[in-house]
N, C-alpha and C. Protein backbone atom coordinates (compact mmCIF):
# COMPACT_ATOMS: atom_id res chain seq x y z
N MET A 1 137.14 110.31 99.80
CA MET A 1 136.30 109.20 100.17
C MET A 1 137.21 108.09 100.69
N ASP A 2 136.84 107.52 101.81
CA ASP A 2 137.62 106.46 102.42
C ASP A 2 136.90 105.12 102.20
N ILE A 3 137.48 104.27 101.35
CA ILE A 3 136.89 102.97 101.06
C ILE A 3 137.75 101.91 101.74
N PRO A 4 137.15 101.06 102.58
CA PRO A 4 137.92 100.01 103.24
C PRO A 4 138.67 99.14 102.22
N ASP A 5 139.86 98.68 102.62
CA ASP A 5 140.74 97.93 101.71
C ASP A 5 140.05 96.74 101.04
N ARG A 6 139.32 95.94 101.82
CA ARG A 6 138.69 94.75 101.24
C ARG A 6 137.64 95.14 100.19
N LEU A 7 136.88 96.18 100.48
CA LEU A 7 135.87 96.64 99.54
C LEU A 7 136.52 97.23 98.28
N TYR A 8 137.59 97.98 98.46
CA TYR A 8 138.30 98.57 97.33
C TYR A 8 138.88 97.47 96.43
N SER A 9 139.39 96.42 97.06
CA SER A 9 139.95 95.30 96.29
C SER A 9 138.87 94.64 95.43
N LYS A 10 137.68 94.44 96.01
CA LYS A 10 136.58 93.85 95.24
C LYS A 10 136.15 94.78 94.11
N LEU A 11 136.11 96.07 94.40
CA LEU A 11 135.73 97.07 93.40
C LEU A 11 136.73 97.07 92.25
N LYS A 12 138.00 97.00 92.58
CA LYS A 12 139.06 97.01 91.57
C LYS A 12 138.97 95.77 90.67
N LYS A 13 138.73 94.60 91.27
CA LYS A 13 138.59 93.36 90.48
C LYS A 13 137.38 93.42 89.56
N LYS A 14 136.27 93.95 90.08
CA LYS A 14 135.06 94.06 89.26
C LYS A 14 135.29 95.01 88.09
N ALA A 15 135.95 96.11 88.34
CA ALA A 15 136.26 97.07 87.28
C ALA A 15 137.13 96.42 86.20
N GLN A 16 138.12 95.64 86.61
CA GLN A 16 138.99 94.96 85.65
C GLN A 16 138.20 93.96 84.82
N ARG A 17 137.34 93.18 85.49
CA ARG A 17 136.54 92.18 84.77
C ARG A 17 135.64 92.82 83.73
N GLU A 18 135.09 93.99 84.06
CA GLU A 18 134.14 94.66 83.17
C GLU A 18 134.80 95.63 82.21
N GLY A 19 136.12 95.80 82.33
CA GLY A 19 136.82 96.73 81.45
C GLY A 19 136.42 98.17 81.70
N ARG A 20 136.16 98.50 82.94
CA ARG A 20 135.75 99.86 83.31
C ARG A 20 136.73 100.40 84.35
N THR A 21 136.60 101.67 84.65
CA THR A 21 137.45 102.25 85.69
C THR A 21 136.72 102.19 87.03
N ILE A 22 137.49 102.32 88.09
CA ILE A 22 136.91 102.36 89.43
C ILE A 22 135.99 103.57 89.55
N ASN A 23 136.41 104.67 88.98
CA ASN A 23 135.59 105.89 89.01
C ASN A 23 134.24 105.66 88.32
N ASP A 24 134.26 105.02 87.14
CA ASP A 24 133.01 104.73 86.43
C ASP A 24 132.05 103.92 87.30
N LEU A 25 132.56 102.85 87.91
CA LEU A 25 131.71 102.00 88.74
C LEU A 25 131.19 102.75 89.96
N THR A 26 132.03 103.58 90.55
CA THR A 26 131.62 104.35 91.72
C THR A 26 130.51 105.34 91.37
N VAL A 27 130.70 106.09 90.31
CA VAL A 27 129.70 107.07 89.88
C VAL A 27 128.41 106.36 89.49
N PHE A 28 128.51 105.25 88.76
CA PHE A 28 127.34 104.46 88.36
C PHE A 28 126.56 104.00 89.59
N SER A 29 127.27 103.50 90.60
CA SER A 29 126.62 103.00 91.81
C SER A 29 125.96 104.13 92.60
N ILE A 30 126.64 105.24 92.73
CA ILE A 30 126.08 106.37 93.47
C ILE A 30 124.85 106.92 92.75
N ARG A 31 124.94 107.03 91.43
CA ARG A 31 123.80 107.53 90.65
C ARG A 31 122.60 106.61 90.84
N GLY A 32 122.83 105.31 90.79
CA GLY A 32 121.75 104.34 90.98
C GLY A 32 121.13 104.45 92.36
N LEU A 33 121.95 104.67 93.36
CA LEU A 33 121.46 104.83 94.73
C LEU A 33 120.60 106.08 94.86
N LEU A 34 121.04 107.18 94.26
CA LEU A 34 120.30 108.43 94.37
C LEU A 34 119.01 108.42 93.55
N GLU A 35 118.99 107.70 92.46
CA GLU A 35 117.80 107.65 91.61
C GLU A 35 116.84 106.54 92.02
N GLU A 36 117.23 105.72 92.96
CA GLU A 36 116.44 104.56 93.37
C GLU A 36 115.05 104.96 93.87
N LYS A 37 114.94 106.01 94.66
CA LYS A 37 113.65 106.42 95.21
C LYS A 37 112.68 106.83 94.12
N THR A 38 113.14 107.58 93.14
CA THR A 38 112.24 108.01 92.07
C THR A 38 111.78 106.82 91.24
N THR A 39 112.67 105.89 91.00
CA THR A 39 112.30 104.72 90.21
C THR A 39 111.25 103.90 90.95
N ARG A 40 111.45 103.69 92.22
CA ARG A 40 110.48 102.91 92.99
C ARG A 40 109.13 103.61 93.09
N ALA A 41 109.16 104.91 93.22
CA ALA A 41 107.91 105.65 93.37
C ALA A 41 107.07 105.58 92.10
N ARG A 42 107.70 105.46 90.96
CA ARG A 42 106.98 105.42 89.69
C ARG A 42 106.48 104.03 89.31
N ARG A 43 107.03 103.01 89.95
CA ARG A 43 106.67 101.65 89.57
C ARG A 43 105.23 101.35 89.95
N ARG A 44 104.44 100.88 89.01
CA ARG A 44 103.04 100.58 89.26
C ARG A 44 102.92 99.11 89.67
N ILE A 45 102.19 98.86 90.70
CA ILE A 45 101.97 97.50 91.18
C ILE A 45 100.63 97.03 90.65
N THR A 46 100.63 95.86 90.02
CA THR A 46 99.40 95.30 89.48
C THR A 46 98.99 94.09 90.31
N PRO A 47 97.91 94.20 91.04
CA PRO A 47 97.48 93.06 91.85
C PRO A 47 96.91 91.96 90.96
N PRO A 48 96.87 90.74 91.46
CA PRO A 48 96.24 89.67 90.68
C PRO A 48 94.76 89.99 90.46
N VAL A 49 94.26 89.66 89.30
CA VAL A 49 92.85 89.90 88.98
C VAL A 49 92.14 88.56 88.93
N ILE A 50 91.03 88.47 89.62
CA ILE A 50 90.23 87.24 89.62
C ILE A 50 88.97 87.53 88.81
N GLU A 51 88.80 86.80 87.73
CA GLU A 51 87.65 87.01 86.85
C GLU A 51 86.37 86.57 87.55
N SER A 52 85.28 87.29 87.27
CA SER A 52 83.98 86.95 87.85
C SER A 52 82.89 87.34 86.87
N ASP A 53 81.85 86.52 86.81
CA ASP A 53 80.69 86.85 85.97
C ASP A 53 79.90 88.01 86.58
N ARG A 54 79.98 88.13 87.90
CA ARG A 54 79.28 89.21 88.61
C ARG A 54 80.29 89.96 89.47
N PRO A 55 80.97 90.96 88.91
CA PRO A 55 81.98 91.68 89.69
C PRO A 55 81.41 92.23 90.99
N GLY A 56 82.20 92.10 92.05
CA GLY A 56 81.79 92.57 93.35
C GLY A 56 81.02 91.56 94.16
N SER A 57 80.72 90.41 93.56
CA SER A 57 79.93 89.42 94.28
C SER A 57 80.78 88.29 94.85
N LEU A 58 82.05 88.30 94.58
CA LEU A 58 82.94 87.23 95.08
C LEU A 58 83.23 87.44 96.56
N HIS A 59 83.07 86.42 97.33
CA HIS A 59 83.42 86.47 98.75
C HIS A 59 84.60 85.52 98.94
N LEU A 60 85.76 86.10 99.21
CA LEU A 60 86.99 85.32 99.26
C LEU A 60 87.55 85.26 100.67
N ASP A 61 88.05 84.09 101.02
CA ASP A 61 88.86 83.96 102.22
C ASP A 61 90.22 83.48 101.76
N ASN A 62 91.16 83.33 102.66
CA ASN A 62 92.52 82.94 102.27
C ASN A 62 92.56 81.62 101.53
N ALA A 63 91.80 80.65 101.96
CA ALA A 63 91.79 79.34 101.32
C ALA A 63 91.34 79.45 99.86
N LYS A 64 90.28 80.23 99.61
CA LYS A 64 89.76 80.40 98.25
C LYS A 64 90.77 81.14 97.38
N ILE A 65 91.45 82.14 97.95
CA ILE A 65 92.47 82.87 97.19
C ILE A 65 93.58 81.93 96.75
N TYR A 66 94.03 81.05 97.65
CA TYR A 66 95.09 80.11 97.29
C TYR A 66 94.63 79.11 96.23
N GLU A 67 93.34 78.84 96.15
CA GLU A 67 92.84 77.96 95.09
C GLU A 67 92.83 78.66 93.74
N LEU A 68 92.56 79.96 93.73
CA LEU A 68 92.39 80.68 92.48
C LEU A 68 93.68 81.26 91.89
N ILE A 69 94.66 81.56 92.74
CA ILE A 69 95.88 82.21 92.27
C ILE A 69 97.07 81.27 92.48
N ASP A 70 97.90 81.14 91.43
CA ASP A 70 99.12 80.35 91.54
C ASP A 70 100.19 81.19 92.22
N PHE A 71 100.59 80.76 93.40
CA PHE A 71 101.66 81.45 94.11
C PHE A 71 102.96 80.70 93.88
N PRO A 72 104.07 81.44 93.79
CA PRO A 72 105.36 80.75 93.56
C PRO A 72 105.79 79.90 94.72
């Protein structure tokens, strides 16, 4: 594997700071990259829920949504 000098230097410093080997960090990073798709595929997205006394009767436009939901 050919790692550019600047990247290798950063990797080496990070390994020293964490008390790990370069090999450990490399394997950890590659494993995370390869498992990333399965993790994302399993993640459930929960949309905001707007309470209503009569479900299905709410007529929302963008302005009303911004009034009902706190956006960051």
